[in-house]
């Protein structure tokens, strides 16, 4: 068994659960609740930016090229999923695992996120 983890975005979870629902005809209560959450989280209703699996994967790859995020791939995945476009939001995510970065590094992450999601604002 491999110790390698695979990180997925909410859109992938939503699509997998919709596929399961179509194949089986119904979902368990827990799966239905997960589908509701994934549908909301992948939509513009969460943060104004809709989750896109291809963008998530490209952004995650770009973030994992940063030395300090290579050591914490779960934080890189969280950044790619949450799509923070403000410095203070990135700092909050980094603080959850006590990842220390200087302001230039955080700004670079914000720039990467904005570039990948096409954020203008």
PDB file of N, CA and C in Angstrom:
ATOM      1  N   UNK A   1       0.846  -1.185   0.000  1.00  0.00           N
ATOM      2  CA  UNK A   1       0.000   0.000   0.000  1.00  0.00           C
ATOM      3  C   UNK A   1       0.884   1.238   0.000  1.00  0.00           C
ATOM      4  N   UNK A   2       0.543   2.209  -0.770  1.00  0.00           N
ATOM      5  CA  UNK A   2       1.343   3.420  -0.920  1.00  0.00           C
ATOM      6  C   UNK A   2       1.014   4.429   0.165  1.00  0.00           C
ATOM      7  N   UNK A   3       2.049   5.140   0.625  1.00  0.00           N
ATOM      8  CA  UNK A   3       1.845   6.202   1.612  1.00  0.00           C
ATOM      9  C   UNK A   3       1.556   7.533   0.939  1.00  0.00           C
ATOM     10  N   UNK A   4       1.622   7.573  -0.386  1.00  0.00           N
ATOM     11  CA  UNK A   4       1.392   8.810  -1.116  1.00  0.00           C
ATOM     12  C   UNK A   4      -0.081   9.205  -1.024  1.00  0.00           C
ATOM     13  N   UNK A   5      -0.299  10.473  -0.742  1.00  0.00           N
ATOM     14  CA  UNK A   5      -1.663  10.985  -0.638  1.00  0.00           C
ATOM     15  C   UNK A   5      -2.049  11.674  -1.932  1.00  0.00           C
ATOM     16  N   UNK A   6      -3.314  11.606  -2.235  1.00  0.00           N
ATOM     17  CA  UNK A   6      -3.848  12.290  -3.414  1.00  0.00           C
ATOM     18  C   UNK A   6      -4.836  13.329  -2.915  1.00  0.00           C
ATOM     19  N   UNK A   7      -4.601  14.565  -3.267  1.00  0.00           N
ATOM     20  CA  UNK A   7      -5.478  15.652  -2.861  1.00  0.00           C
ATOM     21  C   UNK A   7      -6.436  15.969  -4.004  1.00  0.00           C
ATOM     22  N   UNK A   8      -7.711  16.117  -3.657  1.00  0.00           N
ATOM     23  CA  UNK A   8      -8.720  16.427  -4.661  1.00  0.00           C
ATOM     24  C   UNK A   8      -9.505  17.652  -4.225  1.00  0.00           C
ATOM     25  N   UNK A   9     -10.110  18.303  -5.191  1.00  0.00           N
ATOM     26  CA  UNK A   9     -10.903  19.496  -4.910  1.00  0.00           C
ATOM     27  C   UNK A   9     -12.370  19.110  -4.719  1.00  0.00           C
ATOM     28  N   UNK A  10     -13.157  20.081  -4.285  1.00  0.00           N
ATOM     29  CA  UNK A  10     -14.575  19.843  -4.026  1.00  0.00           C
ATOM     30  C   UNK A  10     -15.336  19.463  -5.292  1.00  0.00           C
ATOM     31  N   UNK A  11     -14.938  20.015  -6.432  1.00  0.00           N
ATOM     32  CA  UNK A  11     -15.621  19.687  -7.683  1.00  0.00           C
ATOM     33  C   UNK A  11     -15.453  18.202  -8.011  1.00  0.00           C
ATOM     34  N   UNK A  12     -14.298  17.642  -7.753  1.00  0.00           N
ATOM     35  CA  UNK A  12     -14.052  16.221  -7.985  1.00  0.00           C
ATOM     36  C   UNK A  12     -14.912  15.370  -7.057  1.00  0.00           C
ATOM     37  N   UNK A  13     -15.000  15.780  -5.799  1.00  0.00           N
ATOM     38  CA  UNK A  13     -15.839  15.060  -4.827  1.00  0.00           C
ATOM     39  C   UNK A  13     -17.300  15.120  -5.267  1.00  0.00           C
ATOM     40  N   UNK A  14     -17.743  16.316  -5.625  1.00  0.00           N
ATOM     41  CA  UNK A  14     -19.130  16.496  -6.086  1.00  0.00           C
ATOM     42  C   UNK A  14     -19.422  15.586  -7.276  1.00  0.00           C
ATOM     43  N   UNK A  15     -18.535  15.602  -8.260  1.00  0.00           N
ATOM     44  CA  UNK A  15     -18.749  14.811  -9.470  1.00  0.00           C
ATOM     45  C   UNK A  15     -18.753  13.310  -9.168  1.00  0.00           C
ATOM     46  N   UNK A  16     -17.883  12.853  -8.275  1.00  0.00           N
ATOM     47  CA  UNK A  16     -17.840  11.439  -7.904  1.00  0.00           C
ATOM     48  C   UNK A  16     -19.129  11.022  -7.200  1.00  0.00           C
ATOM     49  N   UNK A  17     -19.628  11.885  -6.317  1.00  0.00           N
ATOM     50  CA  UNK A  17     -20.865  11.567  -5.614  1.00  0.00           C
ATOM     51  C   UNK A  17     -22.075  11.613  -6.544  1.00  0.00           C
ATOM     52  N   UNK A  18     -22.092  12.551  -7.477  1.00  0.00           N
ATOM     53  CA  UNK A  18     -23.178  12.590  -8.463  1.00  0.00           C
ATOM     54  C   UNK A  18     -23.162  11.346  -9.336  1.00  0.00           C
ATOM     55  N   UNK A  19     -21.972  10.893  -9.693  1.00  0.00           N
ATOM     56  CA  UNK A  19     -21.832   9.672 -10.484  1.00  0.00           C
ATOM     57  C   UNK A  19     -22.334   8.465  -9.692  1.00  0.00           C
ATOM     58  N   UNK A  20     -21.962   8.403  -8.416  1.00  0.00           N
ATOM     59  CA  UNK A  20     -22.424   7.298  -7.563  1.00  0.00           C
ATOM     60  C   UNK A  20     -23.944   7.328  -7.419  1.00  0.00           C
ATOM     61  N   UNK A  21     -24.495   8.514  -7.268  1.00  0.00           N
ATOM     62  CA  UNK A  21     -25.943   8.658  -7.140  1.00  0.00           C
ATOM     63  C   UNK A  21     -26.645   8.181  -8.416  1.00  0.00           C
ATOM     64  N   UNK A  22     -26.078   8.515  -9.551  1.00  0.00           N
ATOM     65  CA  UNK A  22     -26.663   8.110 -10.829  1.00  0.00           C
ATOM     66  C   UNK A  22     -26.602   6.595 -10.999  1.00  0.00           C
ATOM     67  N   UNK A  23     -25.476   6.004 -10.627  1.00  0.00           N
ATOM     68  CA  UNK A  23     -25.308   4.555 -10.774  1.00  0.00           C
ATOM     69  C   UNK A  23     -26.176   3.770  -9.798  1.00  0.00           C
ATOM     70  N   UNK A  24     -26.245   4.232  -8.543  1.00  0.00           N
ATOM     71  CA  UNK A  24     -26.945   3.489  -7.498  1.00  0.00           C
ATOM     72  C   UNK A  24     -28.405   3.896  -7.327  1.00  0.00           C
ATOM     73  N   UNK A  25     -28.737   5.080  -7.787  1.00  0.00           N
ATOM     74  CA  UNK A  25     -30.097   5.565  -7.614  1.00  0.00           C
ATOM     75  C   UNK A  25     -30.298   6.371  -6.349  1.00  0.00           C
ATOM     76  N   UNK A  26     -29.456   6.165  -5.372  1.00  0.00           N
ATOM     77  CA  UNK A  26     -29.534   6.946  -4.136  1.00  0.00           C
ATOM     78  C   UNK A  26     -28.199   6.902  -3.409  1.00  0.00           C
ATOM     79  N   UNK A  27     -28.052   7.820  -2.477  1.00  0.00           N
ATOM     80  CA  UNK A  27     -26.849   7.891  -1.656  1.00  0.00           C
ATOM     81  C   UNK A  27     -27.225   7.672  -0.202  1.00  0.00           C
ATOM     82  N   UNK A  28     -26.247   7.293   0.614  1.00  0.00           N
ATOM     83  CA  UNK A  28     -26.485   7.209   2.054  1.00  0.00           C
ATOM     84  C   UNK A  28     -26.656   8.628   2.592  1.00  0.00           C
ATOM     85  N   UNK A  29     -27.143   8.725   3.792  1.00  0.00           N
ATOM     86  CA  UNK A  29     -27.320  10.040   4.417  1.00  0.00           C
ATOM     87  C   UNK A  29     -25.999  10.809   4.428  1.00  0.00           C
ATOM     88  N   UNK A  30     -24.927  10.144   4.829  1.00  0.00           N
ATOM     89  CA  UNK A  30     -23.616  10.793   4.917  1.00  0.00           C
ATOM     90  C   UNK A  30     -23.132  11.253   3.550  1.00  0.00           C
ATOM     91  N   UNK A  31     -23.330  10.413   2.544  1.00  0.00           N
ATOM     92  CA  UNK A  31     -22.934  10.783   1.190  1.00  0.00           C
ATOM     93  C   UNK A  31     -23.758  11.950   0.679  1.00  0.00           C
ATOM     94  N   UNK A  32     -25.038  11.965   1.010  1.00  0.00           N
ATOM     95  CA  UNK A  32     -25.898  13.069   0.596  1.00  0.00           C
ATOM     96  C   UNK A  32     -25.450  14.383   1.237  1.00  0.00           C
ATOM     97  N   UNK A  33     -25.099  14.330   2.504  1.00  0.00           N
ATOM     98  CA  UNK A  33     -24.605  15.532   3.191  1.00  0.00           C
ATOM     99  C   UNK A  33     -23.271  15.976   2.584  1.00  0.00           C
ATOM    100  N   UNK A  34     -22.405  15.019   2.268  1.00  0.00           N
ATOM    101  CA  UNK A  34     -21.126  15.347   1.630  1.00  0.00           C
ATOM    102  C   UNK A  34     -21.355  15.962   0.250  1.00  0.00           C
ATOM    103  N   UNK A  35     -22.327  15.439  -0.485  1.00  0.00           N
ATOM    104  CA  UNK A  35     -22.656  15.990  -1.802  1.00  0.00           C
ATOM    105  C   UNK A  35     -23.157  17.429  -1.667  1.00  0.00           C
ATOM    106  N   UNK A  36     -24.021  17.676  -0.715  1.00  0.00           N
ATOM    107  CA  UNK A  36     -24.518  19.040  -0.500  1.00  0.00           C
ATOM    108  C   UNK A  36     -23.379  19.993  -0.178  1.00  0.00           C
ATOM    109  N   UNK A  37     -22.476  19.563   0.692  1.00  0.00           N
ATOM    110  CA  UNK A  37     -21.343  20.423   1.061  1.00  0.00           C
ATOM    111  C   UNK A  37     -20.402  20.634  -0.128  1.00  0.00           C
ATOM    112  N   UNK A  38     -20.083  19.565  -0.843  1.00  0.00           N
ATOM    113  CA  UNK A  38     -19.168  19.675  -1.982  1.00  0.00           C
ATOM    114  C   UNK A  38     -19.763  20.558  -3.074  1.00  0.00           C
ATOM    115  N   UNK A  39     -21.075  20.448  -3.283  1.00  0.00           N
ATOM    116  CA  UNK A  39     -21.738  21.283  -4.292  1.00  0.00           C
ATOM    117  C   UNK A  39     -21.626  22.751  -3.914  1.00  0.00           C
ATOM    118  N   UNK A  40     -21.888  23.061  -2.656  1.00  0.00           N
ATOM    119  CA  UNK A  40     -21.764  24.442  -2.185  1.00  0.00           C
ATOM    120  C   UNK A  40     -20.305  24.912  -2.260  1.00  0.00           C
ATOM    121  N   UNK A  41     -19.386  24.101  -1.769  1.00  0.00           N
ATOM    122  CA  UNK A  41     -17.981  24.502  -1.699  1.00  0.00           C
ATOM    123  C   UNK A  41     -17.360  24.689  -3.075  1.00  0.00           C
ATOM    124  N   UNK A  42     -17.844  23.973  -4.072  1.00  0.00           N
ATOM    125  CA  UNK A  42     -17.299  24.103  -5.426  1.00  0.00           C
ATOM    126  C   UNK A  42     -17.924  25.259  -6.193  1.00  0.00           C
ATOM    127  N   UNK A  43     -18.953  25.865  -5.618  1.00  0.00           N
ATOM    128  CA  UNK A  43     -19.671  26.931  -6.321  1.00  0.00           C
ATOM    129  C   UNK A  43     -19.118  28.312  -5.986  1.00  0.00           C
ATOM    130  N   UNK A  44     -19.617  29.296  -6.694  1.00  0.00           N
ATOM    131  CA  UNK A  44     -19.237  30.684  -6.429  1.00  0.00           C
ATOM    132  C   UNK A  44     -19.797  31.190  -5.104  1.00  0.00           C
ATOM    133  N   UNK A  45     -20.747  30.459  -4.537  1.00  0.00           N
ATOM    134  CA  UNK A  45     -21.366  30.886  -3.283  1.00  0.00           C
ATOM    135  C   UNK A  45     -20.400  30.868  -2.109  1.00  0.00           C
ATOM    136  N   UNK A  46     -19.345  30.063  -2.188  1.00  0.00           N
ATOM    137  CA  UNK A  46     -18.407  29.952  -1.073  1.00  0.00           C
ATOM    138  C   UNK A  46     -17.497  31.170  -0.978  1.00  0.00           C
ATOM    139  N   UNK A  47     -16.810  31.490  -2.055  1.00  0.00           N
ATOM    140  CA  UNK A  47     -15.857  32.607  -1.987  1.00  0.00           C
ATOM    141  C   UNK A  47     -15.880  33.483  -3.241  1.00  0.00           C
ATOM    142  N   UNK A  48     -16.865  33.278  -4.080  1.00  0.00           N
ATOM    143  CA  UNK A  48     -16.982  34.079  -5.294  1.00  0.00           C
ATOM    144  C   UNK A  48     -16.225  33.523  -6.481  1.00  0.00           C
ATOM    145  N   UNK A  49     -15.502  32.428  -6.278  1.00  0.00           N
ATOM    146  CA  UNK A  49     -14.739  31.805  -7.359  1.00  0.00           C
ATOM    147  C   UNK A  49     -15.114  30.330  -7.409  1.00  0.00           C
ATOM    148  N   UNK A  50     -15.615  29.893  -8.553  1.00  0.00           N
ATOM    149  CA  UNK A  50     -16.020  28.493  -8.699  1.00  0.00           C
ATOM    150  C   UNK A  50     -14.795  27.599  -8.797  1.00  0.00           C
ATOM    151  N   UNK A  51     -14.844  26.451  -8.125  1.00  0.00           N
ATOM    152  CA  UNK A  51     -13.757  25.482  -8.161  1.00  0.00           C
ATOM    153  C   UNK A  51     -13.734  24.775  -9.511  1.00  0.00           C
ATOM    154  N   UNK A  52     -12.544  24.644 -10.064  1.00  0.00           N
ATOM    155  CA  UNK A  52     -12.351  23.935 -11.317  1.00  0.00           C
ATOM    156  C   UNK A  52     -11.222  22.935 -11.094  1.00  0.00           C
ATOM    157  N   UNK A  53     -11.476  21.668 -11.373  1.00  0.00           N
ATOM    158  CA  UNK A  53     -10.508  20.611 -11.088  1.00  0.00           C
ATOM    159  C   UNK A  53      -9.180  20.836 -11.801  1.00  0.00           C
ATOM    160  N   UNK A  54      -9.226  21.236 -13.051  1.00  0.00           N
ATOM    161  CA  UNK A  54      -7.984  21.456 -13.802  1.00  0.00           C
ATOM    162  C   UNK A  54      -7.172  22.595 -13.186  1.00  0.00           C
ATOM    163  N   UNK A  55      -7.849  23.683 -12.829  1.00  0.00           N
ATOM    164  CA  UNK A  55      -7.164  24.819 -12.200  1.00  0.00           C
ATOM    165  C   UNK A  55      -6.598  24.394 -10.846  1.00  0.00           C
ATOM    166  N   UNK A  56      -7.374  23.629 -10.077  1.00  0.00           N
ATOM    167  CA  UNK A  56      -6.898  23.131  -8.779  1.00  0.00           C
ATOM    168  C   UNK A  56      -5.604  22.349  -8.954  1.00  0.00           C
ATOM    169  N   UNK A  57      -5.583  21.410  -9.895  1.00  0.00           N
ATOM    170  CA  UNK A  57      -4.400  20.574 -10.108  1.00  0.00           C
ATOM    171  C   UNK A  57      -3.195  21.396 -10.568  1.00  0.00           C
ATOM    172  N   UNK A  58      -3.420  22.345 -11.471  1.00  0.00           N
ATOM    173  CA  UNK A  58      -2.316  23.194 -11.941  1.00  0.00           C
ATOM    174  C   UNK A  58      -1.780  24.071 -10.817  1.00  0.00           C
ATOM    175  N   UNK A  59      -2.690  24.647 -10.036  1.00  0.00           N
ATOM    176  CA  UNK A  59      -2.262  25.503  -8.928  1.00  0.00           C
ATOM    177  C   UNK A  59      -1.541  24.688  -7.864  1.00  0.00           C
ATOM    178  N   UNK A  60      -2.043  23.511  -7.546  1.00  0.00           N
ATOM    179  CA  UNK A  60      -1.373  22.655  -6.563  1.00  0.00           C
ATOM    180  C   UNK A  60       0.032  22.313  -7.023  1.00  0.00           C
ATOM    181  N   UNK A  61       0.187  21.985  -8.280  1.00  0.00           N
ATOM    182  CA  UNK A  61       1.518  21.683  -8.825  1.00  0.00           C
ATOM    183  C   UNK A  61       2.448  22.883  -8.683  1.00  0.00           C
ATOM    184  N   UNK A  62       1.952  24.070  -9.006  1.00  0.00           N
ATOM    185  CA  UNK A  62       2.763  25.290  -8.897  1.00  0.00           C
ATOM    186  C   UNK A  62       3.139  25.569  -7.444  1.00  0.00           C
ATOM    187  N   UNK A  63       2.203  25.377  -6.533  1.00  0.00           N
ATOM    188  CA  UNK A  63       2.477  25.624  -5.114  1.00  0.00           C
ATOM    189  C   UNK A  63       3.491  24.631  -4.561  1.00  0.00           C
ATOM    190  N   UNK A  64       3.418  23.395  -5.017  1.00  0.00           N
ATOM    191  CA  UNK A  64       4.362  22.381  -4.530  1.00  0.00           C
ATOM    192  C   UNK A  64       5.770  22.584  -5.065  1.00  0.00           C
ATOM    193  N   UNK A  65       5.945  23.487  -6.001  1.00  0.00           N
ATOM    194  CA  UNK A  65       7.284  23.830  -6.474  1.00  0.00           C
ATOM    195  C   UNK A  65       7.981  24.785  -5.513  1.00  0.00           C
ATOM    196  N   UNK A  66       7.216  25.384  -4.599  1.00  0.00           N
ATOM    197  CA  UNK A  66       7.799  26.279  -3.593  1.00  0.00           C
ATOM    198  C   UNK A  66       8.400  25.439  -2.475  1.00  0.00           C
ATOM    199  N   UNK A  67       9.654  25.733  -2.126  1.00  0.00           N
ATOM    200  CA  UNK A  67      10.381  24.928  -1.148  1.00  0.00           C
ATOM    201  C   UNK A  67       9.619  24.725   0.157  1.00  0.00           C
ATOM    202  N   UNK A  68       9.087  25.773   0.719  1.00  0.00           N
ATOM    203  CA  UNK A  68       8.445  25.666   2.028  1.00  0.00           C
ATOM    204  C   UNK A  68       7.122  24.921   1.982  1.00  0.00           C
ATOM    205  N   UNK A  69       6.479  24.878   0.831  1.00  0.00           N
ATOM    206  CA  UNK A  69       5.217  24.148   0.730  1.00  0.00           C
ATOM    207  C   UNK A  69       5.423  22.680   0.368  1.00  0.00           C
ATOM    208  N   UNK A  70       6.594  22.330  -0.135  1.00  0.00           N
ATOM    209  CA  UNK A  70       6.883  20.929  -0.435  1.00  0.00           C
ATOM    210  C   UNK A  70       6.823  20.083   0.838  1.00  0.00           C
ATOM    211  N   UNK A  71       7.211  20.677   1.948  1.00  0.00           N
ATOM    212  CA  UNK A  71       7.213  19.962   3.223  1.00  0.00           C
ATOM    213  C   UNK A  71       5.809  19.789   3.801  1.00  0.00           C
ATOM    214  N   UNK A  72       4.857  20.597   3.333  1.00  0.00           N
ATOM    215  CA  UNK A  72       3.484  20.544   3.846  1.00  0.00           C
ATOM    216  C   UNK A  72       2.495  20.516   2.671  1.00  0.00           C
ATOM    217  N   UNK A  73       2.452  19.400   1.937  1.00  0.00           N
ATOM    218  CA  UNK A  73       1.575  19.341   0.765  1.00  0.00           C
ATOM    219  C   UNK A  73       0.100  19.515   1.112  1.00  0.00           C
ATOM    220  N   UNK A  74      -0.288  19.162   2.329  1.00  0.00           N
ATOM    221  CA  UNK A  74      -1.679  19.360   2.729  1.00  0.00           C
ATOM    222  C   UNK A  74      -2.037  20.841   2.781  1.00  0.00           C
ATOM    223  N   UNK A  75      -1.089  21.682   3.174  1.00  0.00           N
ATOM    224  CA  UNK A  75      -1.332  23.131   3.194  1.00  0.00           C
ATOM    225  C   UNK A  75      -1.376  23.669   1.762  1.00  0.00           C
ATOM    226  N   UNK A  76      -0.518  23.158   0.896  1.00  0.00           N
ATOM    227  CA  UNK A  76      -0.565  23.563  -0.519  1.00  0.00           C
ATOM    228  C   UNK A  76      -1.920  23.197  -1.120  1.00  0.00           C
ATOM    229  N   UNK A  77      -2.425  22.006  -0.802  1.00  0.00           N
ATOM    230  CA  UNK A  77      -3.735  21.581  -1.302  1.00  0.00           C
ATOM    231  C   UNK A  77      -4.848  22.460  -0.741  1.00  0.00           C
ATOM    232  N   UNK A  78      -4.720  22.837   0.519  1.00  0.00           N
ATOM    233  CA  UNK A  78      -5.741  23.699   1.125  1.00  0.00           C
ATOM    234  C   UNK A  78      -5.755  25.067   0.448  1.00  0.00           C
ATOM    235  N   UNK A  79      -4.579  25.596   0.151  1.00  0.00           N
ATOM    236  CA  UNK A  79      -4.494  26.883  -0.545  1.00  0.00           C
ATOM    237  C   UNK A  79      -5.117  26.757  -1.937  1.00  0.00           C
ATOM    238  N   UNK A  80      -4.799  25.672  -2.636  1.00  0.00           N
ATOM    239  CA  UNK A  80      -5.338  25.474  -3.988  1.00  0.00           C
ATOM    240  C   UNK A  80      -6.857  25.319  -3.963  1.00  0.00           C
ATOM    241  N   UNK A  81      -7.388  24.759  -2.903  1.00  0.00           N
ATOM    242  CA  UNK A  81      -8.832  24.577  -2.817  1.00  0.00           C
ATOM    243  C   UNK A  81      -9.555  25.828  -2.335  1.00  0.00           C
ATOM    244  N   UNK A  82      -9.015  26.498  -1.344  1.00  0.00           N
ATOM    245  CA  UNK A  82      -9.681  27.680  -0.782  1.00  0.00           C
ATOM    246  C   UNK A  82      -9.563  28.889  -1.707  1.00  0.00           C
ATOM    247  N   UNK A  83      -8.511  28.933  -2.495  1.00  0.00           N
ATOM    248  CA  UNK A  83      -8.266  30.004  -3.461  1.00  0.00           C
ATOM    249  C   UNK A  83      -8.206  31.379  -2.776  1.00  0.00           C
ATOM    250  N   UNK A  84      -7.298  31.531  -1.828  1.00  0.00           N
ATOM    251  CA  UNK A  84      -7.196  32.826  -1.147  1.00  0.00           C
ATOM    252  C   UNK A  84      -6.549  33.880  -2.040  1.00  0.00           C
ATOM    253  N   UNK A  85      -7.206  35.008  -2.208  1.00  0.00           N
ATOM    254  CA  UNK A  85      -6.677  36.063  -3.071  1.00  0.00           C
ATOM    255  C   UNK A  85      -6.217  37.278  -2.251  1.00  0.00           C
ATOM    256  N   UNK A  86      -6.148  37.114  -0.939  1.00  0.00           N
ATOM    257  CA  UNK A  86      -5.674  38.176  -0.048  1.00  0.00           C
ATOM    258  C   UNK A  86      -4.557  37.624   0.831  1.00  0.00           C
ATOM    259  N   UNK A  87      -3.593  38.465   1.107  1.00  0.00           N
ATOM    260  CA  UNK A  87      -2.440  38.078   1.919  1.00  0.00           C
ATOM    261  C   UNK A  87      -2.874  37.535   3.272  1.00  0.00           C
ATOM    262  N   UNK A  88      -3.803  38.212   3.939  1.00  0.00           N
ATOM    263  CA  UNK A  88      -4.204  37.775   5.275  1.00  0.00           C
ATOM    264  C   UNK A  88      -4.867  36.395   5.248  1.00  0.00           C
ATOM    265  N   UNK A  89      -5.526  36.053   4.154  1.00  0.00           N
ATOM    266  CA  UNK A  89      -6.129  34.728   4.047  1.00  0.00           C
ATOM    267  C   UNK A  89      -5.060  33.643   3.905  1.00  0.00           C
ATOM    268  N   UNK A  90      -4.033  33.911   3.125  1.00  0.00           N
ATOM    269  CA  UNK A  90      -2.926  32.957   2.989  1.00  0.00           C
ATOM    270  C   UNK A  90      -2.221  32.796   4.334  1.00  0.00           C
ATOM    271  N   UNK A  91      -1.986  33.895   5.019  1.00  0.00           N
ATOM    272  CA  UNK A  91      -1.329  33.820   6.326  1.00  0.00           C
ATOM    273  C   UNK A  91      -2.134  32.992   7.315  1.00  0.00           C
ATOM    274  N   UNK A  92      -3.444  33.087   7.262  1.00  0.00           N
ATOM    275  CA  UNK A  92      -4.300  32.301   8.155  1.00  0.00           C
ATOM    276  C   UNK A  92      -4.155  30.807   7.867  1.00  0.00           C
ATOM    277  N   UNK A  93      -4.102  30.455   6.592  1.00  0.00           N
ATOM    278  CA  UNK A  93      -3.936  29.050   6.221  1.00  0.00           C
ATOM    279  C   UNK A  93      -2.567  28.545   6.667  1.00  0.00           C
ATOM    280  N   UNK A  94      -1.536  29.333   6.429  1.00  0.00           N
ATOM    281  CA  UNK A  94      -0.183  28.945   6.831  1.00  0.00           C
ATOM    282  C   UNK A  94      -0.070  28.806   8.345  1.00  0.00           C
ATOM    283  N   UNK A  95      -0.748  29.666   9.076  1.00  0.00           N
ATOM    284  CA  UNK A  95      -0.688  29.639  10.537  1.00  0.00           C
ATOM    285  C   UNK A  95      -1.291  28.362  11.106  1.00  0.00           C
ATOM    286  N   UNK A  96      -2.217  27.752  10.377  1.00  0.00           N
ATOM    287  CA  UNK A  96      -2.854  26.537  10.877  1.00  0.00           C
ATOM    288  C   UNK A  96      -1.855  25.404  11.087  1.00  0.00           C
ATOM    289  N   UNK A  97      -0.735  25.430  10.376  1.00  0.00           N
ATOM    290  CA  UNK A  97       0.326  24.434  10.544  1.00  0.00           C
ATOM    291  C   UNK A  97       1.652  25.081  10.977  1.00  0.00           C
ATOM    292  N   UNK A  98       1.546  26.323  11.379  1.00  0.00           N
ATOM    293  CA  UNK A  98       2.722  27.083  11.816  1.00  0.00           C
ATOM    294  C   UNK A  98       3.828  27.120  10.755  1.00  0.00           C
ATOM    295  N   UNK A  99       3.415  27.304   9.509  1.00  0.00           N
ATOM    296  CA  UNK A  99       4.359  27.456   8.406  1.00  0.00           C
ATOM    297  C   UNK A  99       4.780  28.918   8.385  1.00  0.00           C
ATOM    298  N   UNK A 100       6.070  29.161   8.501  1.00  0.00           N
ATOM    299  CA  UNK A 100       6.581  30.521   8.550  1.00  0.00           C
ATOM    300  C   UNK A 100       7.093  30.922   7.170  1.00  0.00           C
ATOM    301  N   UNK A 101       6.543  32.021   6.677  1.00  0.00           N
ATOM    302  CA  UNK A 101       6.992  32.586   5.402  1.00  0.00           C
ATOM    303  C   UNK A 101       7.072  34.089   5.558  1.00  0.00           C
ATOM    304  N   UNK A 102       8.022  34.689   4.840  1.00  0.00           N
ATOM    305  CA  UNK A 102       8.100  36.149   4.892  1.00  0.00           C
ATOM    306  C   UNK A 102       7.040  36.738   3.956  1.00  0.00           C
ATOM    307  N   UNK A 103       6.873  38.047   4.044  1.00  0.00           N
ATOM    308  CA  UNK A 103       5.821  38.716   3.281  1.00  0.00           C
ATOM    309  C   UNK A 103       5.976  38.532   1.769  1.00  0.00           C
ATOM    310  N   UNK A 104       7.208  38.505   1.279  1.00  0.00           N
ATOM    311  CA  UNK A 104       7.437  38.315  -0.158  1.00  0.00           C
ATOM    312  C   UNK A 104       6.968  36.936  -0.620  1.00  0.00           C
ATOM    313  N   UNK A 105       7.213  35.926   0.198  1.00  0.00           N
ATOM    314  CA  UNK A 105       6.789  34.574  -0.145  1.00  0.00           C
ATOM    315  C   UNK A 105       5.254  34.467  -0.152  1.00  0.00           C
ATOM    316  N   UNK A 106       4.625  35.103   0.815  1.00  0.00           N
ATOM    317  CA  UNK A 106       3.164  35.097   0.877  1.00  0.00           C
ATOM    318  C   UNK A 106       2.581  35.845  -0.320  1.00  0.00           C
ATOM    319  N   UNK A 107       3.170  36.978  -0.655  1.00  0.00           N
ATOM    320  CA  UNK A 107       2.722  37.740  -1.834  1.00  0.00           C
ATOM    321  C   UNK A 107       2.854  36.895  -3.103  1.00  0.00           C
ATOM    322  N   UNK A 108       3.939  36.128  -3.180  1.00  0.00           N
ATOM    323  CA  UNK A 108       4.143  35.260  -4.343  1.00  0.00           C
ATOM    324  C   UNK A 108       3.026  34.212  -4.433  1.00  0.00           C
ATOM    325  N   UNK A 109       2.614  33.654  -3.311  1.00  0.00           N
ATOM    326  CA  UNK A 109       1.516  32.683  -3.293  1.00  0.00           C
ATOM    327  C   UNK A 109       0.234  33.346  -3.779  1.00  0.00           C
ATOM    328  N   UNK A 110      -0.050  34.547  -3.277  1.00  0.00           N
ATOM    329  CA  UNK A 110      -1.255  35.272  -3.705  1.00  0.00           C
ATOM    330  C   UNK A 110      -1.205  35.522  -5.207  1.00  0.00           C
ATOM    331  N   UNK A 111      -0.058  35.888  -5.720  1.00  0.00           N
ATOM    332  CA  UNK A 111       0.103  36.117  -7.158  1.00  0.00           C
ATOM    333  C   UNK A 111      -0.154  34.833  -7.943  1.00  0.00           C
ATOM    334  N   UNK A 112       0.404  33.712  -7.473  1.00  0.00           N
ATOM    335  CA  UNK A 112       0.170  32.424  -8.133  1.00  0.00           C
ATOM    336  C   UNK A 112      -1.318  32.085  -8.163  1.00  0.00           C
ATOM    337  N   UNK A 113      -1.980  32.247  -7.027  1.00  0.00           N
ATOM    338  CA  UNK A 113      -3.415  31.941  -6.953  1.00  0.00           C
ATOM    339  C   UNK A 113      -4.185  32.808  -7.929  1.00  0.00           C
ATOM    340  N   UNK A 114      -3.928  34.113  -7.903  1.00  0.00           N
ATOM    341  CA  UNK A 114      -4.655  35.028  -8.793  1.00  0.00           C
ATOM    342  C   UNK A 114      -4.414  34.695 -10.259  1.00  0.00           C
ATOM    343  N   UNK A 115      -3.191  34.361 -10.605  1.00  0.00           N
ATOM    344  CA  UNK A 115      -2.878  34.018 -11.985  1.00  0.00           C
ATOM    345  C   UNK A 115      -3.620  32.757 -12.436  1.00  0.00           C
ATOM    346  N   UNK A 116      -3.653  31.762 -11.582  1.00  0.00           N
ATOM    347  CA  UNK A 116      -4.272  30.499 -11.958  1.00  0.00           C
ATOM    348  C   UNK A 116      -5.790  30.558 -12.045  1.00  0.00           C
ATOM    349  N   UNK A 117      -6.405  31.388 -11.216  1.00  0.00           N
ATOM    350  CA  UNK A 117      -7.878  31.449 -11.232  1.00  0.00           C
ATOM    351  C   UNK A 117      -8.390  32.617 -12.057  1.00  0.00           C
ATOM    352  N   UNK A 118      -7.489  33.434 -12.586  1.00  0.00           N
ATOM    353  CA  UNK A 118      -7.914  34.569 -13.404  1.00  0.00           C
ATOM    354  C   UNK A 118      -8.615  35.643 -12.596  1.00  0.00           C
ATOM    355  N   UNK A 119      -8.192  35.804 -11.351  1.00  0.00           N
ATOM    356  CA  UNK A 119      -8.818  36.797 -10.468  1.00  0.00           C
ATOM    357  C   UNK A 119      -8.346  38.200 -10.804  1.00  0.00           C
ATOM    358  N   UNK A 120      -9.288  39.085 -10.940  1.00  0.00           N
ATOM    359  CA  UNK A 120      -8.960  40.495 -11.139  1.00  0.00           C
ATOM    360  C   UNK A 120      -9.735  41.273 -10.111  1.00  0.00           C
ATOM    361  N   UNK A 121      -9.047  41.976  -9.271  1.00  0.00           N
ATOM    362  CA  UNK A 121      -9.772  42.733  -8.273  1.00  0.00           C
ATOM    363  C   UNK A 121      -8.906  43.433  -7.311  1.00  0.00           C
TER     364      UNK A 121
END
